[in-house]
Amino acid sequence: MIVLKTIFWILWRIWFYIVLGSMIVLLFPFLTLSILKEKWYPYFFMLARIWAKVILFLMGFYIQADWKQELDSKKSYMLIANHTSMIDIMLMLVLIRNPFVFVGKKELSKIPLFGFFYKRTCILVDRSSSKSRGNVYGRAEKRLKQGLSICIFPEGGVPDESIELDGFKEGAFRLAIEHQIPIVPLTFGDNKKRFSYTFFSGSPGKLRATIHPFIETLGLTSEHKKELKESAHQIILEQLKNYNS
């Protein structure tokens, strides 16, 4: 049985990268055109959502989403979620229809094909550089002024799989307060189990997600960063415990 599982995991993981790369190649001309001008980003976002939907479908995943509050297509938001899997990006793209920009680690820009578009459309941050972290705020402000939303995984790097939910960094909450935009906490209940960073693990199946009621920031100041951070962390952690109970 363990031999069969190992063969399945190897073939399934290889299939993931084949699908991921093939979809980028297939959409390459359209993706390339969509990044020629910043104002065309919504078209890139639409193509990215197609890319994400196809990958999740062909990997055998299906989504069960529980919406506690709907997003307004005319507003900008700060999207946050727990982060334990490579498919977190795909799931976020499928769930959220409002065009948004990821704030992500610079290292991902080195991935062939994916990295080409990643570094041209996302806000990259080198977590070892204070200057790089500071530049995030200026780039995020520009995107918000264009009517886009921002997505940050506030745990930072992917935590050890034994950690249910790592501590949150303050960047997402500082940005949300500065721009007075609502924070939208999302809990991904099955991504770690279905497709973790451990190679010999995972399986097709259900991906549960909860889109929680928004946390408003109107009228708040930088003094409320810690309070917001702890509140959002507790919301996501409690939902994770509910999923795992």
C-alpha atoms as a PDB file:
ATOM      1  CA  MET A   1       0.000   0.000   0.000  1.00  0.00           C
ATOM      2  CA  ILE A   2       2.786   2.442   0.897  1.00  0.00           C
ATOM      3  CA  VAL A   3       4.474   1.722  -2.449  1.00  0.00           C
ATOM      4  CA  LEU A   4       1.279   2.521  -4.348  1.00  0.00           C
ATOM      5  CA  LYS A   5       0.826   5.737  -2.344  1.00  0.00           C
ATOM      6  CA  THR A   6       4.398   6.775  -3.071  1.00  0.00           C
ATOM      7  CA  ILE A   7       3.947   6.178  -6.809  1.00  0.00           C
ATOM      8  CA  PHE A   8       0.687   8.156  -6.721  1.00  0.00           C
ATOM      9  CA  TRP A   9       2.301  11.087  -4.901  1.00  0.00           C
ATOM     10  CA  ILE A  10       5.214  11.219  -7.346  1.00  0.00           C
ATOM     11  CA  LEU A  11       2.978  11.138 -10.427  1.00  0.00           C
ATOM     12  CA  TRP A  12       0.462  13.551  -8.894  1.00  0.00           C
ATOM     13  CA  ARG A  13       3.117  16.108  -7.972  1.00  0.00           C
ATOM     14  CA  ILE A  14       4.673  15.868 -11.427  1.00  0.00           C
ATOM     15  CA  TRP A  15       1.190  16.347 -12.910  1.00  0.00           C
ATOM     16  CA  PHE A  16       0.793  19.545 -10.869  1.00  0.00           C
ATOM     17  CA  TYR A  17       3.876  21.117 -12.414  1.00  0.00           C
ATOM     18  CA  ILE A  18       2.905  19.916 -15.896  1.00  0.00           C
ATOM     19  CA  VAL A  19      -0.537  21.514 -15.565  1.00  0.00           C
ATOM     20  CA  LEU A  20       0.865  24.703 -14.008  1.00  0.00           C
ATOM     21  CA  GLY A  21       3.467  25.140 -16.761  1.00  0.00           C
ATOM     22  CA  SER A  22       1.214  24.070 -19.626  1.00  0.00           C
ATOM     23  CA  MET A  23      -1.461  26.584 -18.668  1.00  0.00           C
ATOM     24  CA  ILE A  24       1.090  29.403 -18.573  1.00  0.00           C
ATOM     25  CA  VAL A  25       2.424  28.372 -22.001  1.00  0.00           C
ATOM     26  CA  LEU A  26      -1.102  28.145 -23.402  1.00  0.00           C
ATOM     27  CA  LEU A  27      -2.084  31.573 -22.061  1.00  0.00           C
ATOM     28  CA  PHE A  28       1.360  33.129 -22.614  1.00  0.00           C
ATOM     29  CA  PRO A  29       0.481  35.441 -25.540  1.00  0.00           C
ATOM     30  CA  PHE A  30      -2.599  36.789 -23.764  1.00  0.00           C
ATOM     31  CA  LEU A  31      -0.843  37.101 -20.397  1.00  0.00           C
ATOM     32  CA  THR A  32       2.037  38.953 -22.042  1.00  0.00           C
ATOM     33  CA  LEU A  33      -0.285  41.416 -23.731  1.00  0.00           C
ATOM     34  CA  SER A  34      -2.162  42.026 -20.499  1.00  0.00           C
ATOM     35  CA  ILE A  35       0.985  43.159 -18.623  1.00  0.00           C
ATOM     36  CA  LEU A  36       2.145  45.676 -21.229  1.00  0.00           C
ATOM     37  CA  LYS A  37       0.248  48.458 -19.451  1.00  0.00           C
ATOM     38  CA  GLU A  38      -0.615  48.760 -15.768  1.00  0.00           C
ATOM     39  CA  LYS A  39      -4.178  49.809 -16.575  1.00  0.00           C
ATOM     40  CA  TRP A  40      -4.668  46.440 -18.291  1.00  0.00           C
ATOM     41  CA  TYR A  41      -4.045  44.551 -15.060  1.00  0.00           C
ATOM     42  CA  PRO A  42      -7.741  43.550 -14.662  1.00  0.00           C
ATOM     43  CA  TYR A  43      -7.395  41.538 -17.896  1.00  0.00           C
ATOM     44  CA  PHE A  44      -4.322  39.796 -16.506  1.00  0.00           C
ATOM     45  CA  PHE A  45      -6.255  39.090 -13.336  1.00  0.00           C
ATOM     46  CA  MET A  46      -9.100  37.533 -15.321  1.00  0.00           C
ATOM     47  CA  LEU A  47      -6.633  35.232 -17.103  1.00  0.00           C
ATOM     48  CA  ALA A  48      -4.950  34.369 -13.793  1.00  0.00           C
ATOM     49  CA  ARG A  49      -8.320  33.282 -12.403  1.00  0.00           C
ATOM     50  CA  ILE A  50      -8.842  30.976 -15.401  1.00  0.00           C
ATOM     51  CA  TRP A  51      -5.336  29.563 -14.856  1.00  0.00           C
ATOM     52  CA  ALA A  52      -6.080  28.926 -11.170  1.00  0.00           C
ATOM     53  CA  LYS A  53      -9.479  27.334 -11.792  1.00  0.00           C
ATOM     54  CA  VAL A  54      -8.088  24.906 -14.363  1.00  0.00           C
ATOM     55  CA  ILE A  55      -5.197  23.872 -12.097  1.00  0.00           C
ATOM     56  CA  LEU A  56      -7.452  23.170  -9.111  1.00  0.00           C
ATOM     57  CA  PHE A  57      -9.941  21.281 -11.287  1.00  0.00           C
ATOM     58  CA  LEU A  58      -7.324  19.100 -12.988  1.00  0.00           C
ATOM     59  CA  MET A  59      -5.697  18.336  -9.629  1.00  0.00           C
ATOM     60  CA  GLY A  60      -9.008  16.918  -8.443  1.00  0.00           C
ATOM     61  CA  PHE A  61      -9.893  19.688  -5.982  1.00  0.00           C
ATOM     62  CA  TYR A  62     -13.348  21.143  -5.500  1.00  0.00           C
ATOM     63  CA  ILE A  63     -14.159  24.214  -3.427  1.00  0.00           C
ATOM     64  CA  GLN A  64     -16.701  24.572  -0.658  1.00  0.00           C
ATOM     65  CA  ALA A  65     -16.851  28.252   0.262  1.00  0.00           C
ATOM     66  CA  ASP A  66     -18.818  29.806   3.112  1.00  0.00           C
ATOM     67  CA  TRP A  67     -19.361  33.520   2.482  1.00  0.00           C
ATOM     68  CA  LYS A  68     -20.194  35.476   5.638  1.00  0.00           C
ATOM     69  CA  GLN A  69     -20.128  38.782   3.756  1.00  0.00           C
ATOM     70  CA  GLU A  70     -19.956  39.651   0.060  1.00  0.00           C
ATOM     71  CA  LEU A  71     -17.374  42.009  -1.440  1.00  0.00           C
ATOM     72  CA  ASP A  72     -18.437  45.213  -3.182  1.00  0.00           C
ATOM     73  CA  SER A  73     -16.975  45.250  -6.704  1.00  0.00           C
ATOM     74  CA  LYS A  74     -16.416  49.024  -6.438  1.00  0.00           C
ATOM     75  CA  LYS A  75     -14.323  48.919  -3.252  1.00  0.00           C
ATOM     76  CA  SER A  76     -10.762  48.003  -2.357  1.00  0.00           C
ATOM     77  CA  TYR A  77      -9.948  45.530   0.414  1.00  0.00           C
ATOM     78  CA  MET A  78      -7.061  44.043   2.329  1.00  0.00           C
ATOM     79  CA  LEU A  79      -7.316  40.266   1.849  1.00  0.00           C
ATOM     80  CA  ILE A  80      -5.552  38.030   4.365  1.00  0.00           C
ATOM     81  CA  ALA A  81      -5.493  34.265   4.889  1.00  0.00           C
ATOM     82  CA  ASN A  82      -3.535  31.469   6.508  1.00  0.00           C
ATOM     83  CA  HIS A  83      -0.698  30.225   4.299  1.00  0.00           C
ATOM     84  CA  THR A  84       0.441  26.600   4.240  1.00  0.00           C
ATOM     85  CA  SER A  85       0.405  25.473   0.609  1.00  0.00           C
ATOM     86  CA  MET A  86       1.328  26.343  -2.971  1.00  0.00           C
ATOM     87  CA  ILE A  87      -2.364  26.163  -3.867  1.00  0.00           C
ATOM     88  CA  ASP A  88      -3.205  29.059  -1.498  1.00  0.00           C
ATOM     89  CA  ILE A  89      -2.534  31.444  -4.390  1.00  0.00           C
ATOM     90  CA  MET A  90      -4.842  29.523  -6.736  1.00  0.00           C
ATOM     91  CA  LEU A  91      -7.623  29.269  -4.170  1.00  0.00           C
ATOM     92  CA  MET A  92      -7.469  32.995  -3.410  1.00  0.00           C
ATOM     93  CA  LEU A  93      -7.678  33.800  -7.132  1.00  0.00           C
ATOM     94  CA  VAL A  94     -10.694  31.541  -7.609  1.00  0.00           C
ATOM     95  CA  LEU A  95     -12.582  32.849  -4.574  1.00  0.00           C
ATOM     96  CA  ILE A  96     -12.085  36.597  -5.054  1.00  0.00           C
ATOM     97  CA  ARG A  97     -13.494  38.219  -8.187  1.00  0.00           C
ATOM     98  CA  ASN A  98     -12.376  41.756  -7.312  1.00  0.00           C
ATOM     99  CA  PRO A  99      -9.008  42.349  -9.015  1.00  0.00           C
ATOM    100  CA  PHE A 100      -6.244  42.284  -6.416  1.00  0.00           C
ATOM    101  CA  VAL A 101      -2.455  42.241  -6.266  1.00  0.00           C
ATOM    102  CA  PHE A 102      -0.416  39.814  -4.179  1.00  0.00           C
ATOM    103  CA  VAL A 103       2.351  40.996  -1.886  1.00  0.00           C
ATOM    104  CA  GLY A 104       4.748  38.058  -1.960  1.00  0.00           C
ATOM    105  CA  LYS A 105       8.290  36.942  -1.326  1.00  0.00           C
ATOM    106  CA  LYS A 106      10.903  37.795  -3.919  1.00  0.00           C
ATOM    107  CA  GLU A 107      12.191  34.209  -4.131  1.00  0.00           C
ATOM    108  CA  LEU A 108       9.136  33.073  -6.129  1.00  0.00           C
ATOM    109  CA  SER A 109      10.209  35.263  -9.038  1.00  0.00           C
ATOM    110  CA  LYS A 110      12.932  32.678  -9.788  1.00  0.00           C
ATOM    111  CA  ILE A 111      10.416  29.970 -10.729  1.00  0.00           C
ATOM    112  CA  PRO A 112      10.554  29.407 -14.521  1.00  0.00           C
ATOM    113  CA  LEU A 113       7.582  30.854 -16.478  1.00  0.00           C
ATOM    114  CA  PHE A 114       5.558  31.569 -13.318  1.00  0.00           C
ATOM    115  CA  GLY A 115       8.251  33.939 -12.069  1.00  0.00           C
ATOM    116  CA  PHE A 116       8.218  35.951 -15.310  1.00  0.00           C
ATOM    117  CA  PHE A 117       4.649  37.113 -14.654  1.00  0.00           C
ATOM    118  CA  TYR A 118       4.901  37.044 -10.874  1.00  0.00           C
ATOM    119  CA  LYS A 119       7.591  39.731 -10.705  1.00  0.00           C
ATOM    120  CA  ARG A 120       5.751  41.937 -13.217  1.00  0.00           C
ATOM    121  CA  THR A 121       2.354  41.848 -11.544  1.00  0.00           C
ATOM    122  CA  CYS A 122       2.930  41.298  -7.820  1.00  0.00           C
ATOM    123  CA  ILE A 123       4.493  43.501  -5.164  1.00  0.00           C
ATOM    124  CA  LEU A 124       7.713  41.702  -4.295  1.00  0.00           C
ATOM    125  CA  VAL A 125       9.356  41.894  -0.903  1.00  0.00           C
ATOM    126  CA  ASP A 126      12.761  40.741   0.264  1.00  0.00           C
ATOM    127  CA  ARG A 127      12.032  40.004   3.919  1.00  0.00           C
ATOM    128  CA  SER A 128      15.719  40.310   4.804  1.00  0.00           C
ATOM    129  CA  SER A 129      15.824  43.917   3.563  1.00  0.00           C
ATOM    130  CA  SER A 130      14.205  46.752   5.534  1.00  0.00           C
ATOM    131  CA  LYS A 131      14.374  48.940   2.410  1.00  0.00           C
ATOM    132  CA  SER A 132      12.460  46.336   0.397  1.00  0.00           C
ATOM    133  CA  ARG A 133       9.836  46.022   3.111  1.00  0.00           C
ATOM    134  CA  GLY A 134       9.452  49.802   3.181  1.00  0.00           C
ATOM    135  CA  ASN A 135       9.001  50.007  -0.595  1.00  0.00           C
ATOM    136  CA  VAL A 136       5.974  47.719  -0.333  1.00  0.00           C
ATOM    137  CA  TYR A 137       3.870  50.529   1.115  1.00  0.00           C
ATOM    138  CA  GLY A 138       4.497  52.910  -1.779  1.00  0.00           C
ATOM    139  CA  ARG A 139       3.724  50.277  -4.399  1.00  0.00           C
ATOM    140  CA  ALA A 140       0.628  49.128  -2.541  1.00  0.00           C
ATOM    141  CA  GLU A 141      -0.628  52.706  -2.285  1.00  0.00           C
ATOM    142  CA  LYS A 142      -0.282  53.091  -6.056  1.00  0.00           C
ATOM    143  CA  ARG A 143      -2.287  49.923  -6.672  1.00  0.00           C
ATOM    144  CA  LEU A 144      -5.011  50.929  -4.219  1.00  0.00           C
ATOM    145  CA  LYS A 145      -5.364  54.277  -5.984  1.00  0.00           C
ATOM    146  CA  GLN A 146      -5.988  52.294  -9.176  1.00  0.00           C
ATOM    147  CA  GLY A 147      -8.988  50.701  -7.476  1.00  0.00           C
ATOM    148  CA  LEU A 148      -7.342  47.325  -6.841  1.00  0.00           C
ATOM    149  CA  SER A 149      -7.291  45.316  -3.634  1.00  0.00           C
ATOM    150  CA  ILE A 150      -4.223  43.898  -1.908  1.00  0.00           C
ATOM    151  CA  CYS A 151      -3.640  40.317  -0.744  1.00  0.00           C
ATOM    152  CA  ILE A 152      -1.087  39.509   1.961  1.00  0.00           C
ATOM    153  CA  PHE A 153      -0.469  36.253   3.796  1.00  0.00           C
ATOM    154  CA  PRO A 154       0.401  37.817   7.175  1.00  0.00           C
ATOM    155  CA  GLU A 155       2.248  34.791   8.537  1.00  0.00           C
ATOM    156  CA  GLY A 156       5.054  35.773   6.170  1.00  0.00           C
ATOM    157  CA  GLY A 157       6.947  32.675   5.134  1.00  0.00           C
ATOM    158  CA  VAL A 158       5.157  29.353   5.199  1.00  0.00           C
ATOM    159  CA  PRO A 159       5.335  28.088   8.780  1.00  0.00           C
ATOM    160  CA  ASP A 160       6.335  24.634   9.946  1.00  0.00           C
ATOM    161  CA  GLU A 161       3.484  22.228   9.177  1.00  0.00           C
ATOM    162  CA  SER A 162       3.155  21.378  12.848  1.00  0.00           C
ATOM    163  CA  ILE A 163       2.104  24.993  13.556  1.00  0.00           C
ATOM    164  CA  GLU A 164      -1.620  25.480  13.149  1.00  0.00           C
ATOM    165  CA  LEU A 165      -1.328  29.236  12.593  1.00  0.00           C
ATOM    166  CA  ASP A 166       1.877  31.218  12.956  1.00  0.00           C
ATOM    167  CA  GLY A 167       2.016  34.744  14.363  1.00  0.00           C
ATOM    168  CA  PHE A 168       0.980  37.585  12.069  1.00  0.00           C
ATOM    169  CA  LYS A 169       3.241  40.409  10.922  1.00  0.00           C
ATOM    170  CA  GLU A 170       1.886  43.966  11.037  1.00  0.00           C
ATOM    171  CA  GLY A 171       2.297  45.030   7.396  1.00  0.00           C
ATOM    172  CA  ALA A 172      -1.205  44.157   6.181  1.00  0.00           C
ATOM    173  CA  PHE A 173      -2.846  45.898   9.129  1.00  0.00           C
ATOM    174  CA  ARG A 174      -0.704  48.999   8.837  1.00  0.00           C
ATOM    175  CA  LEU A 175      -1.618  49.303   5.151  1.00  0.00           C
ATOM    176  CA  ALA A 176      -5.313  48.754   5.831  1.00  0.00           C
ATOM    177  CA  ILE A 177      -5.345  51.471   8.482  1.00  0.00           C
ATOM    178  CA  GLU A 178      -3.339  53.947   6.396  1.00  0.00           C
ATOM    179  CA  HIS A 179      -5.778  53.581   3.500  1.00  0.00           C
ATOM    180  CA  GLN A 180      -8.884  53.038   5.642  1.00  0.00           C
ATOM    181  CA  ILE A 181      -9.901  49.897   3.762  1.00  0.00           C
ATOM    182  CA  PRO A 182     -11.698  46.879   5.259  1.00  0.00           C
ATOM    183  CA  ILE A 183      -9.732  43.773   6.159  1.00  0.00           C
ATOM    184  CA  VAL A 184     -11.198  40.530   4.789  1.00  0.00           C
ATOM    185  CA  PRO A 185      -9.997  37.483   6.759  1.00  0.00           C
ATOM    186  CA  LEU A 186     -10.178  34.156   4.924  1.00  0.00           C
ATOM    187  CA  THR A 187      -9.597  30.721   6.415  1.00  0.00           C
ATOM    188  CA  PHE A 188      -8.384  27.909   4.179  1.00  0.00           C
ATOM    189  CA  GLY A 189      -9.328  24.713   5.955  1.00  0.00           C
ATOM    190  CA  ASP A 190      -7.819  21.921   3.864  1.00  0.00           C
ATOM    191  CA  ASN A 191      -4.922  23.253   1.778  1.00  0.00           C
ATOM    192  CA  LYS A 192      -2.248  21.914   4.127  1.00  0.00           C
ATOM    193  CA  LYS A 193      -3.840  18.459   4.141  1.00  0.00           C
ATOM    194  CA  ARG A 194      -4.538  18.379   0.410  1.00  0.00           C
ATOM    195  CA  PHE A 195      -1.293  19.851  -0.939  1.00  0.00           C
ATOM    196  CA  SER A 196       1.353  20.698   1.643  1.00  0.00           C
ATOM    197  CA  TYR A 197       5.007  21.448   0.982  1.00  0.00           C
ATOM    198  CA  THR A 198       5.848  17.867   1.967  1.00  0.00           C
ATOM    199  CA  PHE A 199       6.322  16.061  -1.352  1.00  0.00           C
ATOM    200  CA  PHE A 200       4.988  12.657  -0.312  1.00  0.00           C
ATOM    201  CA  SER A 201       1.616  13.807   0.949  1.00  0.00           C
ATOM    202  CA  GLY A 202      -1.773  15.087  -0.119  1.00  0.00           C
ATOM    203  CA  SER A 203      -4.757  13.932  -2.130  1.00  0.00           C
ATOM    204  CA  PRO A 204      -7.548  15.263  -4.356  1.00  0.00           C
ATOM    205  CA  GLY A 205     -10.691  16.333  -2.553  1.00  0.00           C
ATOM    206  CA  LYS A 206     -12.590  19.176  -0.927  1.00  0.00           C
ATOM    207  CA  LEU A 207     -11.064  22.584  -0.206  1.00  0.00           C
ATOM    208  CA  ARG A 208     -13.093  24.362   2.449  1.00  0.00           C
ATOM    209  CA  ALA A 209     -12.824  28.127   2.766  1.00  0.00           C
ATOM    210  CA  THR A 210     -14.551  30.694   4.953  1.00  0.00           C
ATOM    211  CA  ILE A 211     -14.732  34.346   3.956  1.00  0.00           C
ATOM    212  CA  HIS A 212     -15.342  36.053   7.300  1.00  0.00           C
ATOM    213  CA  PRO A 213     -17.181  39.303   8.023  1.00  0.00           C
ATOM    214  CA  PHE A 214     -14.951  42.255   7.264  1.00  0.00           C
ATOM    215  CA  ILE A 215     -12.960  44.089   9.918  1.00  0.00           C
ATOM    216  CA  GLU A 216     -13.509  47.795   9.401  1.00  0.00           C
ATOM    217  CA  THR A 217     -10.638  50.253   9.786  1.00  0.00           C
ATOM    218  CA  LEU A 218     -12.487  53.534   9.250  1.00  0.00           C
ATOM    219  CA  GLY A 219     -11.380  56.014  11.893  1.00  0.00           C
ATOM    220  CA  LEU A 220      -8.626  53.757  13.259  1.00  0.00           C
ATOM    221  CA  THR A 221      -5.009  54.878  13.665  1.00  0.00           C
ATOM    222  CA  SER A 222      -1.634  53.127  13.784  1.00  0.00           C
ATOM    223  CA  GLU A 223      -2.181  52.610  17.504  1.00  0.00           C
ATOM    224  CA  HIS A 224      -4.784  49.961  16.607  1.00  0.00           C
ATOM    225  CA  LYS A 225      -2.400  47.775  14.551  1.00  0.00           C
ATOM    226  CA  LYS A 226      -1.770  45.279  17.287  1.00  0.00           C
ATOM    227  CA  GLU A 227      -5.444  45.033  18.199  1.00  0.00           C
ATOM    228  CA  LEU A 228      -6.428  44.441  14.563  1.00  0.00           C
ATOM    229  CA  LYS A 229      -3.683  41.882  14.081  1.00  0.00           C
ATOM    230  CA  GLU A 230      -4.712  39.902  17.147  1.00  0.00           C
ATOM    231  CA  SER A 231      -8.399  40.063  16.228  1.00  0.00           C
ATOM    232  CA  ALA A 232      -7.787  38.772  12.692  1.00  0.00           C
ATOM    233  CA  HIS A 233      -5.474  36.047  13.972  1.00  0.00           C
ATOM    234  CA  GLN A 234      -8.106  34.864  16.446  1.00  0.00           C
ATOM    235  CA  ILE A 235     -10.832  34.777  13.781  1.00  0.00           C
ATOM    236  CA  ILE A 236      -8.794  32.573  11.454  1.00  0.00           C
ATOM    237  CA  LEU A 237      -7.443  30.380  14.266  1.00  0.00           C
ATOM    238  CA  GLU A 238     -10.915  29.687  15.662  1.00  0.00           C
ATOM    239  CA  GLN A 239     -12.173  28.678  12.237  1.00  0.00           C
ATOM    240  CA  LEU A 240      -9.204  26.360  11.740  1.00  0.00           C
ATOM    241  CA  LYS A 241     -10.033  24.707  15.049  1.00  0.00           C
ATOM    242  CA  ASN A 242     -13.661  24.321  13.937  1.00  0.00           C
ATOM    243  CA  TYR A 243     -12.535  22.707  10.699  1.00  0.00           C
ATOM    244  CA  ASN A 244     -10.242  20.306  12.533  1.00  0.00           C
ATOM    245  CA  SER A 245     -12.628  19.369  15.319  1.00  0.00           C
END
